[in-house]
Amino acid sequence: MNKPFDPTEPSIGFLLYDTARLMRRDFDRRAKALGLTRAQWSVLAHLSRNEGSNQAAIADVLDVEPITLVRLLDRLEEADWIERRIDPKDRRARLIYLTAKARPILAEMQILGAETRDLMLAGLADSEREALYRNLIQMRANLANALKNPEQNPGPAAAAPTIREATNA
């Protein structure tokens, strides 16, 4: 079901990116009163699901440079939102944990996140929401698999037109 390239229609990649961007901006607007930056709430949200992660894993998931994350963690630690503990398996590494101070803010962040999701999904029936989730999960799995196994997914098929060819057609 591949449609021909139409430069007047936004691509799925652009729609996904722009929707995620607008979600972050709406959440930022709601979370402003909490006194957290986007980067800070991203770390706290990740830790709420993956407490005890090491700095390298957090940097990878958040797609930031390790030095950027270290500075961010320094500020979170100074504000008593997180604590670093020595990794019992590697004394050079530190594992990151939430503090008691961070726990109440996570509940507030979940409420704000639910408000943003409700706004974004307004007008979609429950069945459409479920289909959207299933499809996004499948798309994410496809891309994650391609990144884990690049030899199985080397790139575009030889017969696929390049962007230049598609736009000149």
Protein backbone atom coordinates (compact mmCIF):
# COMPACT_ATOMS: atom_id res chain seq x y z
CA MET A 1 0.00 0.00 0.00
CA ASN A 2 2.85 2.37 -0.79
CA LYS A 3 1.47 5.64 -2.06
CA PRO A 4 3.54 7.61 -4.52
CA PHE A 5 5.55 10.43 -2.98
CA ASP A 6 3.47 13.61 -2.72
CA PRO A 7 5.49 16.64 -1.63
CA THR A 8 2.29 18.48 -0.65
CA GLU A 9 1.46 15.94 2.09
CA PRO A 10 3.46 15.75 5.33
CA SER A 11 5.38 12.52 5.75
CA ILE A 12 4.64 10.14 8.60
CA GLY A 13 8.07 10.93 10.03
CA PHE A 14 7.30 14.65 10.10
CA LEU A 15 3.85 14.04 11.62
CA LEU A 16 5.29 11.84 14.37
CA TYR A 17 8.09 14.30 15.10
CA ASP A 18 5.81 17.34 15.10
CA THR A 19 3.17 15.63 17.24
CA ALA A 20 5.84 14.64 19.78
CA ARG A 21 7.23 18.19 19.70
CA LEU A 22 3.78 19.67 20.37
CA MET A 23 3.16 17.15 23.15
CA ARG A 24 6.40 18.21 24.85
CA ARG A 25 5.51 21.89 24.48
CA ASP A 26 2.04 21.35 25.95
CA PHE A 27 3.50 19.35 28.83
CA ASP A 28 6.15 22.06 29.36
CA ARG A 29 3.39 24.64 29.56
CA ARG A 30 1.53 22.60 32.15
CA ALA A 31 4.68 21.66 34.12
CA LYS A 32 6.08 25.19 34.32
CA ALA A 33 4.62 25.60 37.80
CA LEU A 34 6.60 22.56 39.02
CA GLY A 35 9.86 24.41 38.45
CA LEU A 36 11.43 21.66 36.34
CA THR A 37 13.00 22.00 32.93
CA ARG A 38 12.11 19.59 30.13
CA ALA A 39 15.47 17.88 30.51
CA GLN A 40 14.95 17.48 34.26
CA TRP A 41 11.46 16.03 33.99
CA SER A 42 12.67 13.70 31.23
CA VAL A 43 15.31 12.27 33.57
CA LEU A 44 12.84 11.94 36.45
CA ALA A 45 10.26 10.27 34.21
CA HIS A 46 12.86 7.81 32.90
CA LEU A 47 14.03 7.01 36.42
CA SER A 48 10.46 6.44 37.58
CA ARG A 49 10.39 3.48 35.17
CA ASN A 50 14.07 2.48 35.36
CA GLU A 51 15.35 3.39 38.78
CA GLY A 52 18.93 2.28 39.37
CA SER A 53 20.01 2.90 35.77
CA ASN A 54 23.58 3.95 35.16
CA GLN A 55 24.46 7.29 33.60
CA ALA A 56 25.43 5.76 30.23
CA ALA A 57 22.06 3.99 29.89
CA ILE A 58 20.14 7.16 30.77
CA ALA A 59 22.15 9.23 28.27
CA ASP A 60 21.45 6.64 25.58
CA VAL A 61 17.70 6.48 26.23
CA LEU A 62 17.35 10.26 26.40
CA ASP A 63 19.58 10.67 23.35
CA VAL A 64 21.91 13.18 24.99
CA GLU A 65 25.67 13.34 25.24
CA PRO A 66 27.06 11.84 28.47
CA ILE A 67 28.69 15.12 29.52
CA THR A 68 25.35 16.91 29.09
CA LEU A 69 23.66 14.31 31.27
CA VAL A 70 26.36 14.58 33.96
CA ARG A 71 25.72 18.31 34.28
CA LEU A 72 21.99 17.71 34.43
CA LEU A 73 22.41 15.01 37.08
CA ASP A 74 24.66 17.35 39.07
CA ARG A 75 21.85 19.94 39.17
CA LEU A 76 19.22 17.31 40.06
CA GLU A 77 21.44 15.97 42.83
CA GLU A 78 22.09 19.48 44.20
CA ALA A 79 18.32 20.05 44.31
CA ASP A 80 17.87 16.68 46.09
CA TRP A 81 15.77 15.11 43.30
CA ILE A 82 18.16 12.20 42.69
CA GLU A 83 21.02 10.41 44.37
CA ARG A 84 24.00 8.60 42.88
CA ARG A 85 25.06 5.29 44.39
CA ILE A 86 28.14 3.24 43.68
CA ASP A 87 27.42 0.31 41.38
CA PRO A 88 28.28 -2.82 43.39
CA LYS A 89 29.45 -4.49 40.15
CA ASP A 90 31.66 -1.60 39.03
CA ARG A 91 33.00 0.83 41.63
CA ARG A 92 33.77 3.40 38.90
CA ALA A 93 30.12 3.56 37.82
CA ARG A 94 27.21 5.25 39.56
CA LEU A 95 23.59 4.16 39.61
CA ILE A 96 20.90 6.83 39.74
CA TYR A 97 17.95 6.71 42.12
CA LEU A 98 15.07 9.05 42.89
CA THR A 99 14.91 10.64 46.32
CA ALA A 100 11.85 10.90 48.54
CA LYS A 101 11.53 14.52 47.40
CA ALA A 102 11.03 13.40 43.79
CA ARG A 103 8.19 10.95 44.43
CA PRO A 104 5.35 13.48 44.93
CA ILE A 105 6.38 15.42 41.83
CA LEU A 106 6.09 12.23 39.75
CA ALA A 107 2.42 11.94 40.69
CA GLU A 108 1.89 15.53 39.56
CA MET A 109 3.79 14.85 36.34
CA GLN A 110 1.53 11.85 35.64
CA ILE A 111 -1.56 14.02 36.04
CA LEU A 112 -0.13 16.65 33.70
CA GLY A 113 0.84 13.94 31.22
CA ALA A 114 -2.69 12.52 31.30
CA GLU A 115 -4.09 16.00 30.58
CA THR A 116 -1.78 16.36 27.57
CA ARG A 117 -2.70 12.87 26.32
CA ASP A 118 -6.41 13.59 26.73
CA LEU A 119 -6.03 16.79 24.73
CA MET A 120 -4.04 15.06 22.01
CA LEU A 121 -6.43 12.10 21.70
CA ALA A 122 -9.65 14.15 21.87
CA GLY A 123 -12.02 13.16 19.10
CA LEU A 124 -10.62 9.64 18.70
CA ALA A 125 -12.87 6.72 19.60
CA ASP A 126 -11.54 4.11 22.03
CA SER A 127 -11.04 1.67 19.16
CA GLU A 128 -9.05 4.29 17.24
CA ARG A 129 -6.90 4.98 20.29
CA GLU A 130 -6.21 1.26 20.74
CA ALA A 131 -5.33 0.89 17.05
CA LEU A 132 -3.04 3.91 17.25
CA TYR A 133 -1.18 2.44 20.24
CA ARG A 134 -0.86 -0.98 18.57
CA ASN A 135 0.41 0.58 15.36
CA LEU A 136 2.93 2.82 17.12
CA ILE A 137 4.20 -0.13 19.17
CA GLN A 138 4.65 -2.15 15.98
CA MET A 139 6.40 0.73 14.21
CA ARG A 140 8.74 1.21 17.15
CA ALA A 141 9.49 -2.52 17.25
CA ASN A 142 10.23 -2.54 13.50
CA LEU A 143 12.72 0.31 13.83
CA ALA A 144 14.32 -1.08 17.00
CA ASN A 145 14.78 -4.44 15.29
CA ALA A 146 16.31 -2.79 12.23
CA LEU A 147 18.79 -0.94 14.44
CA LYS A 148 19.68 -4.10 16.36
CA ASN A 149 20.07 -6.14 13.17
CA PRO A 150 21.33 -3.77 10.45
CA GLU A 151 22.51 -6.68 8.29
CA GLN A 152 18.86 -7.74 7.88
CA ASN A 153 17.80 -4.20 6.98
CA PRO A 154 20.68 -2.72 4.96
CA GLY A 155 18.76 0.21 3.49
CA PRO A 156 16.34 1.04 0.74
CA ALA A 157 15.68 -1.52 -1.94
CA ALA A 158 17.60 -0.95 -5.16
CA ALA A 159 14.34 -0.45 -7.05
CA ALA A 160 13.08 2.30 -4.71
CA PRO A 161 13.41 5.77 -6.22
CA THR A 162 15.55 8.34 -4.46
CA ILE A 163 13.92 11.52 -3.18
CA ARG A 164 15.37 13.40 -6.12
CA GLU A 165 13.96 10.85 -8.58
CA ALA A 166 10.57 10.88 -6.87
CA THR A 167 10.28 14.65 -6.92
CA ASN A 168 11.39 14.87 -10.57
CA ALA A 169 8.92 12.21 -11.71
